PDB file of N, CA and C in Angstrom:
ATOM      1  N   MET A   1     -68.287  -8.925 -46.427  1.00  0.00           N
ATOM      2  CA  MET A   1     -68.399  -8.421 -45.067  1.00  0.00           C
ATOM      3  C   MET A   1     -67.042  -8.523 -44.394  1.00  0.00           C
ATOM      4  N   GLU A   2     -66.791  -7.574 -43.517  1.00  0.00           N
ATOM      5  CA  GLU A   2     -65.514  -7.516 -42.805  1.00  0.00           C
ATOM      6  C   GLU A   2     -65.676  -8.044 -41.386  1.00  0.00           C
ATOM      7  N   ALA A   3     -64.748  -8.884 -40.940  1.00  0.00           N
ATOM      8  CA  ALA A   3     -64.776  -9.385 -39.564  1.00  0.00           C
ATOM      9  C   ALA A   3     -64.309  -8.282 -38.617  1.00  0.00           C
ATOM     10  N   ILE A   4     -65.059  -8.090 -37.529  1.00  0.00           N
ATOM     11  CA  ILE A   4     -64.753  -7.065 -36.534  1.00  0.00           C
ATOM     12  C   ILE A   4     -65.029  -7.612 -35.147  1.00  0.00           C
ATOM     13  N   LYS A   5     -64.715  -6.838 -34.133  1.00  0.00           N
ATOM     14  CA  LYS A   5     -65.088  -7.145 -32.750  1.00  0.00           C
ATOM     15  C   LYS A   5     -66.176  -6.175 -32.322  1.00  0.00           C
ATOM     16  N   LYS A   6     -67.251  -6.699 -31.780  1.00  0.00           N
ATOM     17  CA  LYS A   6     -68.336  -5.869 -31.253  1.00  0.00           C
ATOM     18  C   LYS A   6     -68.070  -5.640 -29.772  1.00  0.00           C
ATOM     19  N   ILE A   7     -68.072  -4.386 -29.363  1.00  0.00           N
ATOM     20  CA  ILE A   7     -67.788  -4.009 -27.989  1.00  0.00           C
ATOM     21  C   ILE A   7     -69.055  -3.451 -27.362  1.00  0.00           C
ATOM     22  N   GLU A   8     -69.448  -3.990 -26.215  1.00  0.00           N
ATOM     23  CA  GLU A   8     -70.582  -3.470 -25.461  1.00  0.00           C
ATOM     24  C   GLU A   8     -70.108  -3.203 -24.034  1.00  0.00           C
ATOM     25  N   ILE A   9     -70.270  -1.978 -23.579  1.00  0.00           N
ATOM     26  CA  ILE A   9     -69.791  -1.586 -22.253  1.00  0.00           C
ATOM     27  C   ILE A   9     -70.957  -0.984 -21.475  1.00  0.00           C
ATOM     28  N   VAL A  10     -71.174  -1.493 -20.273  1.00  0.00           N
ATOM     29  CA  VAL A  10     -72.163  -0.927 -19.359  1.00  0.00           C
ATOM     30  C   VAL A  10     -71.421  -0.570 -18.088  1.00  0.00           C
ATOM     31  N   THR A  11     -71.496   0.697 -17.695  1.00  0.00           N
ATOM     32  CA  THR A  11     -70.864   1.128 -16.452  1.00  0.00           C
ATOM     33  C   THR A  11     -71.565   2.381 -15.942  1.00  0.00           C
ATOM     34  N   ASN A  12     -71.130   2.879 -14.805  1.00  0.00           N
ATOM     35  CA  ASN A  12     -71.733   4.060 -14.197  1.00  0.00           C
ATOM     36  C   ASN A  12     -71.764   5.214 -15.199  1.00  0.00           C
ATOM     37  N   SER A  13     -72.863   5.917 -15.241  1.00  0.00           N
ATOM     38  CA  SER A  13     -73.037   7.018 -16.198  1.00  0.00           C
ATOM     39  C   SER A  13     -71.948   8.071 -16.097  1.00  0.00           C
ATOM     40  N   LEU A  14     -71.451   8.304 -14.892  1.00  0.00           N
ATOM     41  CA  LEU A  14     -70.419   9.323 -14.712  1.00  0.00           C
ATOM     42  C   LEU A  14     -69.099   8.918 -15.357  1.00  0.00           C
ATOM     43  N   GLU A  15     -68.906   7.648 -15.652  1.00  0.00           N
ATOM     44  CA  GLU A  15     -67.658   7.154 -16.248  1.00  0.00           C
ATOM     45  C   GLU A  15     -67.725   7.031 -17.765  1.00  0.00           C
ATOM     46  N   ILE A  16     -68.866   7.313 -18.353  1.00  0.00           N
ATOM     47  CA  ILE A  16     -69.019   7.160 -19.798  1.00  0.00           C
ATOM     48  C   ILE A  16     -68.068   8.083 -20.557  1.00  0.00           C
ATOM     49  N   THR A  17     -67.836   9.282 -20.036  1.00  0.00           N
ATOM     50  CA  THR A  17     -66.894  10.194 -20.696  1.00  0.00           C
ATOM     51  C   THR A  17     -65.500   9.584 -20.758  1.00  0.00           C
ATOM     52  N   LYS A  18     -65.082   8.938 -19.680  1.00  0.00           N
ATOM     53  CA  LYS A  18     -63.766   8.288 -19.671  1.00  0.00           C
ATOM     54  C   LYS A  18     -63.730   7.123 -20.660  1.00  0.00           C
ATOM     55  N   VAL A  19     -64.822   6.378 -20.736  1.00  0.00           N
ATOM     56  CA  VAL A  19     -64.895   5.262 -21.688  1.00  0.00           C
ATOM     57  C   VAL A  19     -64.748   5.779 -23.118  1.00  0.00           C
ATOM     58  N   ILE A  20     -65.416   6.872 -23.417  1.00  0.00           N
ATOM     59  CA  ILE A  20     -65.334   7.451 -24.764  1.00  0.00           C
ATOM     60  C   ILE A  20     -63.910   7.938 -25.051  1.00  0.00           C
ATOM     61  N   GLU A  21     -63.275   8.536 -24.057  1.00  0.00           N
ATOM     62  CA  GLU A  21     -61.880   8.973 -24.229  1.00  0.00           C
ATOM     63  C   GLU A  21     -60.976   7.783 -24.546  1.00  0.00           C
ATOM     64  N   ILE A  22     -61.215   6.661 -23.890  1.00  0.00           N
ATOM     65  CA  ILE A  22     -60.425   5.451 -24.141  1.00  0.00           C
ATOM     66  C   ILE A  22     -60.668   4.937 -25.560  1.00  0.00           C
ATOM     67  N   LEU A  23     -61.939   4.914 -25.974  1.00  0.00           N
ATOM     68  CA  LEU A  23     -62.257   4.477 -27.337  1.00  0.00           C
ATOM     69  C   LEU A  23     -61.492   5.317 -28.358  1.00  0.00           C
ATOM     70  N   GLU A  24     -61.527   6.612 -28.163  1.00  0.00           N
ATOM     71  CA  GLU A  24     -60.854   7.503 -29.109  1.00  0.00           C
ATOM     72  C   GLU A  24     -59.337   7.344 -29.042  1.00  0.00           C
ATOM     73  N   LYS A  25     -58.808   7.097 -27.844  1.00  0.00           N
ATOM     74  CA  LYS A  25     -57.358   6.946 -27.680  1.00  0.00           C
ATOM     75  C   LYS A  25     -56.826   5.710 -28.420  1.00  0.00           C
ATOM     76  N   VAL A  26     -57.620   4.636 -28.446  1.00  0.00           N
ATOM     77  CA  VAL A  26     -57.167   3.423 -29.140  1.00  0.00           C
ATOM     78  C   VAL A  26     -57.546   3.428 -30.618  1.00  0.00           C
ATOM     79  N   GLY A  27     -58.193   4.501 -31.059  1.00  0.00           N
ATOM     80  CA  GLY A  27     -58.464   4.643 -32.475  1.00  0.00           C
ATOM     81  C   GLY A  27     -59.833   4.190 -32.940  1.00  0.00           C
ATOM     82  N   VAL A  28     -60.746   3.940 -32.009  1.00  0.00           N
ATOM     83  CA  VAL A  28     -62.112   3.576 -32.389  1.00  0.00           C
ATOM     84  C   VAL A  28     -62.824   4.858 -32.819  1.00  0.00           C
ATOM     85  N   SER A  29     -63.291   4.885 -34.034  1.00  0.00           N
ATOM     86  CA  SER A  29     -63.781   6.143 -34.595  1.00  0.00           C
ATOM     87  C   SER A  29     -65.262   6.406 -34.369  1.00  0.00           C
ATOM     88  N   GLY A  30     -66.019   5.416 -33.986  1.00  0.00           N
ATOM     89  CA  GLY A  30     -67.451   5.623 -33.803  1.00  0.00           C
ATOM     90  C   GLY A  30     -68.002   4.818 -32.649  1.00  0.00           C
ATOM     91  N   TYR A  31     -69.093   5.284 -32.097  1.00  0.00           N
ATOM     92  CA  TYR A  31     -69.743   4.592 -30.985  1.00  0.00           C
ATOM     93  C   TYR A  31     -71.146   5.135 -30.807  1.00  0.00           C
ATOM     94  N   THR A  32     -71.965   4.412 -30.079  1.00  0.00           N
ATOM     95  CA  THR A  32     -73.306   4.851 -29.709  1.00  0.00           C
ATOM     96  C   THR A  32     -73.420   4.762 -28.196  1.00  0.00           C
ATOM     97  N   VAL A  33     -74.005   5.787 -27.573  1.00  0.00           N
ATOM     98  CA  VAL A  33     -74.192   5.823 -26.125  1.00  0.00           C
ATOM     99  C   VAL A  33     -75.686   5.868 -25.828  1.00  0.00           C
ATOM    100  N   ILE A  34     -76.109   5.018 -24.932  1.00  0.00           N
ATOM    101  CA  ILE A  34     -77.482   5.045 -24.428  1.00  0.00           C
ATOM    102  C   ILE A  34     -77.393   5.379 -22.951  1.00  0.00           C
ATOM    103  N   GLU A  35     -78.016   6.475 -22.553  1.00  0.00           N
ATOM    104  CA  GLU A  35     -77.956   6.926 -21.158  1.00  0.00           C
ATOM    105  C   GLU A  35     -79.090   6.336 -20.338  1.00  0.00           C
ATOM    106  N   ASP A  36     -78.929   6.410 -19.043  1.00  0.00           N
ATOM    107  CA  ASP A  36     -79.945   5.992 -18.074  1.00  0.00           C
ATOM    108  C   ASP A  36     -80.361   4.540 -18.243  1.00  0.00           C
ATOM    109  N   VAL A  37     -79.385   3.673 -18.349  1.00  0.00           N
ATOM    110  CA  VAL A  37     -79.649   2.249 -18.481  1.00  0.00           C
ATOM    111  C   VAL A  37     -79.895   1.669 -17.090  1.00  0.00           C
ATOM    112  N   THR A  38     -80.909   0.880 -16.961  1.00  0.00           N
ATOM    113  CA  THR A  38     -81.213   0.248 -15.679  1.00  0.00           C
ATOM    114  C   THR A  38     -81.106  -1.255 -15.820  1.00  0.00           C
ATOM    115  N   GLY A  39     -81.024  -1.919 -14.663  1.00  0.00           N
ATOM    116  CA  GLY A  39     -80.926  -3.370 -14.679  1.00  0.00           C
ATOM    117  C   GLY A  39     -80.425  -3.885 -13.350  1.00  0.00           C
ATOM    118  N   LYS A  40     -79.854  -5.072 -13.356  1.00  0.00           N
ATOM    119  CA  LYS A  40     -79.352  -5.686 -12.137  1.00  0.00           C
ATOM    120  C   LYS A  40     -78.039  -6.393 -12.435  1.00  0.00           C
ATOM    121  N   GLY A  41     -77.086  -6.234 -11.533  1.00  0.00           N
ATOM    122  CA  GLY A  41     -75.795  -6.894 -11.678  1.00  0.00           C
ATOM    123  C   GLY A  41     -75.305  -7.374 -10.332  1.00  0.00           C
ATOM    124  N   ASP A  42     -74.013  -7.703 -10.268  1.00  0.00           N
ATOM    125  CA  ASP A  42     -73.422  -8.185  -9.019  1.00  0.00           C
ATOM    126  C   ASP A  42     -73.531  -7.176  -7.884  1.00  0.00           C
ATOM    127  N   ARG A  43     -73.588  -5.899  -8.229  1.00  0.00           N
ATOM    128  CA  ARG A  43     -73.668  -4.849  -7.205  1.00  0.00           C
ATOM    129  C   ARG A  43     -75.100  -4.439  -6.904  1.00  0.00           C
ATOM    130  N   GLY A  44     -76.062  -5.180  -7.403  1.00  0.00           N
ATOM    131  CA  GLY A  44     -77.465  -4.919  -7.113  1.00  0.00           C
ATOM    132  C   GLY A  44     -78.188  -4.264  -8.276  1.00  0.00           C
ATOM    133  N   LYS A  45     -79.411  -3.788  -7.993  1.00  0.00           N
ATOM    134  CA  LYS A  45     -80.252  -3.168  -9.018  1.00  0.00           C
ATOM    135  C   LYS A  45     -79.820  -1.729  -9.251  1.00  0.00           C
ATOM    136  N   VAL A  46     -79.946  -1.301 -10.485  1.00  0.00           N
ATOM    137  CA  VAL A  46     -79.673   0.085 -10.862  1.00  0.00           C
ATOM    138  C   VAL A  46     -81.001   0.702 -11.280  1.00  0.00           C
ATOM    139  N   PHE A  47     -81.408   1.741 -10.545  1.00  0.00           N
ATOM    140  CA  PHE A  47     -82.694   2.388 -10.810  1.00  0.00           C
ATOM    141  C   PHE A  47     -82.480   3.722 -11.508  1.00  0.00           C
ATOM    142  N   ASN A  48     -83.515   4.196 -12.126  1.00  0.00           N
ATOM    143  CA  ASN A  48     -83.494   5.503 -12.771  1.00  0.00           C
ATOM    144  C   ASN A  48     -84.615   6.349 -12.192  1.00  0.00           C
ATOM    145  N   ASP A  49     -84.666   6.454 -10.870  1.00  0.00           N
ATOM    146  CA  ASP A  49     -85.767   7.184 -10.248  1.00  0.00           C
ATOM    147  C   ASP A  49     -85.304   8.461  -9.537  1.00  0.00           C
ATOM    148  N   LEU A  50     -84.084   8.917  -9.839  1.00  0.00           N
ATOM    149  CA  LEU A  50     -83.587  10.161  -9.269  1.00  0.00           C
ATOM    150  C   LEU A  50     -83.393  11.188 -10.387  1.00  0.00           C
ATOM    151  N   GLU A  51     -83.262  12.450 -10.000  1.00  0.00           N
ATOM    152  CA  GLU A  51     -83.043  13.488 -11.002  1.00  0.00           C
ATOM    153  C   GLU A  51     -81.590  13.545 -11.454  1.00  0.00           C
ATOM    154  N   THR A  52     -80.716  12.808 -10.823  1.00  0.00           N
ATOM    155  CA  THR A  52     -79.297  12.825 -11.162  1.00  0.00           C
ATOM    156  C   THR A  52     -78.900  11.532 -11.855  1.00  0.00           C
ATOM    157  N   HIS A  53     -77.782  11.559 -12.572  1.00  0.00           N
ATOM    158  CA  HIS A  53     -77.280  10.366 -13.253  1.00  0.00           C
ATOM    159  C   HIS A  53     -76.296   9.581 -12.390  1.00  0.00           C
ATOM    160  N   VAL A  54     -76.073  10.027 -11.156  1.00  0.00           N
ATOM    161  CA  VAL A  54     -75.045   9.431 -10.304  1.00  0.00           C
ATOM    162  C   VAL A  54     -75.253   7.937 -10.111  1.00  0.00           C
ATOM    163  N   LEU A  55     -76.476   7.510  -9.972  1.00  0.00           N
ATOM    164  CA  LEU A  55     -76.748   6.097  -9.671  1.00  0.00           C
ATOM    165  C   LEU A  55     -77.247   5.304 -10.878  1.00  0.00           C
ATOM    166  N   THR A  56     -77.153   5.887 -12.071  1.00  0.00           N
ATOM    167  CA  THR A  56     -77.583   5.150 -13.250  1.00  0.00           C
ATOM    168  C   THR A  56     -76.369   4.662 -14.029  1.00  0.00           C
ATOM    169  N   ASN A  57     -76.617   3.808 -14.967  1.00  0.00           N
ATOM    170  CA  ASN A  57     -75.571   3.307 -15.845  1.00  0.00           C
ATOM    171  C   ASN A  57     -75.741   3.860 -17.249  1.00  0.00           C
ATOM    172  N   GLY A  58     -74.678   3.777 -18.000  1.00  0.00           N
ATOM    173  CA  GLY A  58     -74.726   4.103 -19.418  1.00  0.00           C
ATOM    174  C   GLY A  58     -74.265   2.898 -20.215  1.00  0.00           C
ATOM    175  N   TYR A  59     -74.684   2.831 -21.459  1.00  0.00           N
ATOM    176  CA  TYR A  59     -74.356   1.712 -22.347  1.00  0.00           C
ATOM    177  C   TYR A  59     -73.656   2.267 -23.581  1.00  0.00           C
ATOM    178  N   VAL A  60     -72.526   1.701 -23.890  1.00  0.00           N
ATOM    179  CA  VAL A  60     -71.767   2.119 -25.075  1.00  0.00           C
ATOM    180  C   VAL A  60     -71.616   0.908 -25.977  1.00  0.00           C
ATOM    181  N   ILE A  61     -71.953   1.069 -27.232  1.00  0.00           N
ATOM    182  CA  ILE A  61     -71.752   0.006 -28.208  1.00  0.00           C
ATOM    183  C   ILE A  61     -70.853   0.544 -29.316  1.00  0.00           C
ATOM    184  N   SER A  62     -69.919  -0.281 -29.730  1.00  0.00           N
ATOM    185  CA  SER A  62     -69.008   0.114 -30.786  1.00  0.00           C
ATOM    186  C   SER A  62     -68.414  -1.128 -31.424  1.00  0.00           C
ATOM    187  N   VAL A  63     -67.570  -0.899 -32.385  1.00  0.00           N
ATOM    188  CA  VAL A  63     -66.832  -1.983 -33.020  1.00  0.00           C
ATOM    189  C   VAL A  63     -65.372  -1.569 -33.116  1.00  0.00           C
ATOM    190  N   CYS A  64     -64.503  -2.577 -33.181  1.00  0.00           N
ATOM    191  CA  CYS A  64     -63.085  -2.280 -33.323  1.00  0.00           C
ATOM    192  C   CYS A  64     -62.418  -3.438 -34.054  1.00  0.00           C
ATOM    193  N   THR A  65     -61.168  -3.231 -34.352  1.00  0.00           N
ATOM    194  CA  THR A  65     -60.391  -4.292 -34.989  1.00  0.00           C
ATOM    195  C   THR A  65     -59.882  -5.246 -33.908  1.00  0.00           C
ATOM    196  N   HIS A  66     -59.422  -6.392 -34.361  1.00  0.00           N
ATOM    197  CA  HIS A  66     -58.837  -7.358 -33.431  1.00  0.00           C
ATOM    198  C   HIS A  66     -57.637  -6.738 -32.724  1.00  0.00           C
ATOM    199  N   GLU A  67     -56.856  -5.930 -33.427  1.00  0.00           N
ATOM    200  CA  GLU A  67     -55.674  -5.300 -32.839  1.00  0.00           C
ATOM    201  C   GLU A  67     -56.050  -4.269 -31.767  1.00  0.00           C
ATOM    202  N   GLN A  68     -57.148  -3.569 -31.930  1.00  0.00           N
ATOM    203  CA  GLN A  68     -57.591  -2.561 -30.959  1.00  0.00           C
ATOM    204  C   GLN A  68     -58.223  -3.193 -29.722  1.00  0.00           C
ATOM    205  N   GLU A  69     -58.740  -4.396 -29.862  1.00  0.00           N
ATOM    206  CA  GLU A  69     -59.511  -5.033 -28.802  1.00  0.00           C
ATOM    207  C   GLU A  69     -58.749  -5.106 -27.474  1.00  0.00           C
ATOM    208  N   GLN A  70     -57.549  -5.644 -27.478  1.00  0.00           N
ATOM    209  CA  GLN A  70     -56.829  -5.849 -26.216  1.00  0.00           C
ATOM    210  C   GLN A  70     -56.460  -4.532 -25.554  1.00  0.00           C
ATOM    211  N   LYS A  71     -56.058  -3.531 -26.341  1.00  0.00           N
ATOM    212  CA  LYS A  71     -55.746  -2.214 -25.771  1.00  0.00           C
ATOM    213  C   LYS A  71     -56.986  -1.626 -25.111  1.00  0.00           C
ATOM    214  N   LEU A  72     -58.103  -1.769 -25.765  1.00  0.00           N
ATOM    215  CA  LEU A  72     -59.366  -1.239 -25.257  1.00  0.00           C
ATOM    216  C   LEU A  72     -59.769  -1.935 -23.958  1.00  0.00           C
ATOM    217  N   VAL A  73     -59.730  -3.229 -23.951  1.00  0.00           N
ATOM    218  CA  VAL A  73     -60.131  -3.987 -22.757  1.00  0.00           C
ATOM    219  C   VAL A  73     -59.194  -3.686 -21.583  1.00  0.00           C
ATOM    220  N   THR A  74     -57.908  -3.634 -21.841  1.00  0.00           N
ATOM    221  CA  THR A  74     -56.935  -3.331 -20.779  1.00  0.00           C
ATOM    222  C   THR A  74     -57.181  -1.944 -20.194  1.00  0.00           C
ATOM    223  N   ALA A  75     -57.501  -0.961 -21.026  1.00  0.00           N
ATOM    224  CA  ALA A  75     -57.715   0.403 -20.551  1.00  0.00           C
ATOM    225  C   ALA A  75     -59.036   0.564 -19.809  1.00  0.00           C
ATOM    226  N   ILE A  76     -60.043  -0.199 -20.160  1.00  0.00           N
ATOM    227  CA  ILE A  76     -61.364  -0.067 -19.537  1.00  0.00           C
ATOM    228  C   ILE A  76     -61.471  -0.870 -18.243  1.00  0.00           C
ATOM    229  N   GLU A  77     -60.699  -1.906 -18.103  1.00  0.00           N
ATOM    230  CA  GLU A  77     -60.796  -2.781 -16.932  1.00  0.00           C
ATOM    231  C   GLU A  77     -60.719  -2.037 -15.591  1.00  0.00           C
ATOM    232  N   PRO A  78     -59.806  -1.071 -15.396  1.00  0.00           N
ATOM    233  CA  PRO A  78     -59.772  -0.366 -14.098  1.00  0.00           C
ATOM    234  C   PRO A  78     -61.070   0.374 -13.776  1.00  0.00           C
ATOM    235  N   ILE A  79     -61.737   0.926 -14.790  1.00  0.00           N
ATOM    236  CA  ILE A  79     -63.014   1.616 -14.566  1.00  0.00           C
ATOM    237  C   ILE A  79     -64.063   0.624 -14.096  1.00  0.00           C
ATOM    238  N   LEU A  80     -64.107  -0.531 -14.741  1.00  0.00           N
ATOM    239  CA  LEU A  80     -65.103  -1.543 -14.379  1.00  0.00           C
ATOM    240  C   LEU A  80     -64.859  -2.074 -12.979  1.00  0.00           C
ATOM    241  N   LYS A  81     -63.598  -2.267 -12.609  1.00  0.00           N
ATOM    242  CA  LYS A  81     -63.295  -2.769 -11.265  1.00  0.00           C
ATOM    243  C   LYS A  81     -63.662  -1.758 -10.195  1.00  0.00           C
ATOM    244  N   LYS A  82     -63.469  -0.471 -10.467  1.00  0.00           N
ATOM    245  CA  LYS A  82     -63.734   0.560  -9.467  1.00  0.00           C
ATOM    246  C   LYS A  82     -65.218   0.937  -9.390  1.00  0.00           C
ATOM    247  N   PHE A  83     -65.885   1.045 -10.537  1.00  0.00           N
ATOM    248  CA  PHE A  83     -67.250   1.557 -10.547  1.00  0.00           C
ATOM    249  C   PHE A  83     -68.299   0.503 -10.913  1.00  0.00           C
ATOM    250  N   GLY A  84     -67.852  -0.699 -11.281  1.00  0.00           N
ATOM    251  CA  GLY A  84     -68.786  -1.743 -11.670  1.00  0.00           C
ATOM    252  C   GLY A  84     -69.100  -1.661 -13.152  1.00  0.00           C
ATOM    253  N   GLY A  85     -69.656  -2.734 -13.646  1.00  0.00           N
ATOM    254  CA  GLY A  85     -70.039  -2.771 -15.054  1.00  0.00           C
ATOM    255  C   GLY A  85     -69.449  -3.958 -15.766  1.00  0.00           C
ATOM    256  N   VAL A  86     -69.690  -4.005 -17.062  1.00  0.00           N
ATOM    257  CA  VAL A  86     -69.199  -5.107 -17.877  1.00  0.00           C
ATOM    258  C   VAL A  86     -68.697  -4.576 -19.211  1.00  0.00           C
ATOM    259  N   CYS A  87     -67.801  -5.321 -19.791  1.00  0.00           N
ATOM    260  CA  CYS A  87     -67.347  -5.074 -21.161  1.00  0.00           C
ATOM    261  C   CYS A  87     -67.468  -6.405 -21.890  1.00  0.00           C
ATOM    262  N   ILE A  88     -68.352  -6.455 -22.837  1.00  0.00           N
ATOM    263  CA  ILE A  88     -68.603  -7.679 -23.593  1.00  0.00           C
ATOM    264  C   ILE A  88     -67.978  -7.524 -24.979  1.00  0.00           C
ATOM    265  N   VAL A  89     -67.172  -8.503 -25.348  1.00  0.00           N
ATOM    266  CA  VAL A  89     -66.536  -8.493 -26.671  1.00  0.00           C
ATOM    267  C   VAL A  89     -67.001  -9.739 -27.410  1.00  0.00           C
ATOM    268  N   SER A  90     -67.473  -9.536 -28.613  1.00  0.00           N
ATOM    269  CA  SER A  90     -67.911 -10.684 -29.408  1.00  0.00           C
ATOM    270  C   SER A  90     -67.469 -10.511 -30.859  1.00  0.00           C
ATOM    271  N   ASP A  91     -67.362 -11.620 -31.535  1.00  0.00           N
ATOM    272  CA  ASP A  91     -67.028 -11.593 -32.948  1.00  0.00           C
ATOM    273  C   ASP A  91     -68.252 -11.152 -33.741  1.00  0.00           C
ATOM    274  N   ALA A  92     -68.023 -10.350 -34.730  1.00  0.00           N
ATOM    275  CA  ALA A  92     -69.124  -9.864 -35.565  1.00  0.00           C
ATOM    276  C   ALA A  92     -68.604  -9.590 -36.968  1.00  0.00           C
ATOM    277  N   LYS A  93     -69.508  -9.286 -37.838  1.00  0.00           N
ATOM    278  CA  LYS A  93     -69.168  -8.852 -39.199  1.00  0.00           C
ATOM    279  C   LYS A  93     -69.996  -7.624 -39.495  1.00  0.00           C
ATOM    280  N   TRP A  94     -69.459  -6.761 -40.356  1.00  0.00           N
ATOM    281  CA  TRP A  94     -70.210  -5.563 -40.702  1.00  0.00           C
ATOM    282  C   TRP A  94     -69.979  -5.153 -42.134  1.00  0.00           C
ATOM    283  N   ILE A  95     -70.898  -4.351 -42.576  1.00  0.00           N
ATOM    284  CA  ILE A  95     -70.769  -3.683 -43.858  1.00  0.00           C
ATOM    285  C   ILE A  95     -70.792  -2.199 -43.544  1.00  0.00           C
ATOM    286  N   ALA A  96     -69.697  -1.514 -43.802  1.00  0.00           N
ATOM    287  CA  ALA A  96     -69.645  -0.077 -43.544  1.00  0.00           C
ATOM    288  C   ALA A  96     -70.047   0.673 -44.804  1.00  0.00           C
ATOM    289  N   HIS A  97     -70.640   1.821 -44.625  1.00  0.00           N
ATOM    290  CA  HIS A  97     -71.062   2.630 -45.780  1.00  0.00           C
ATOM    291  C   HIS A  97     -69.874   3.272 -46.451  1.00  0.00           C
TER     292      HIS A  97
END
C-alpha cells in the first residue's frame, strides 16, 4: 500500500468549480464531488430546501501526495475564509488499480 494524504473539502456549492480547478492545477488527477451537502458549522446550518444551490455546500474528496498537500491547502484557504467551509487533511494509504 502507498502512503497518501486524504483531502476532504466542504464549502459553498458555487465554489466547487474553483476547488476542482485548484486540484487540477496542483496535479491531483482524481476526485469525487457530492452536491447539496447539508449540516451545521461556525456560520450556522446549511439547508437544502431551495431550488438553487446558492445556499448549499458541496463535498469534495480526493487524495494527493505529501508534496501536493501544502500547495493545495494554501490555494484553497482563501476560498474557505471568504465563503466558509473546511479542508480536512489526514494520513491514509491506498491501493490504486
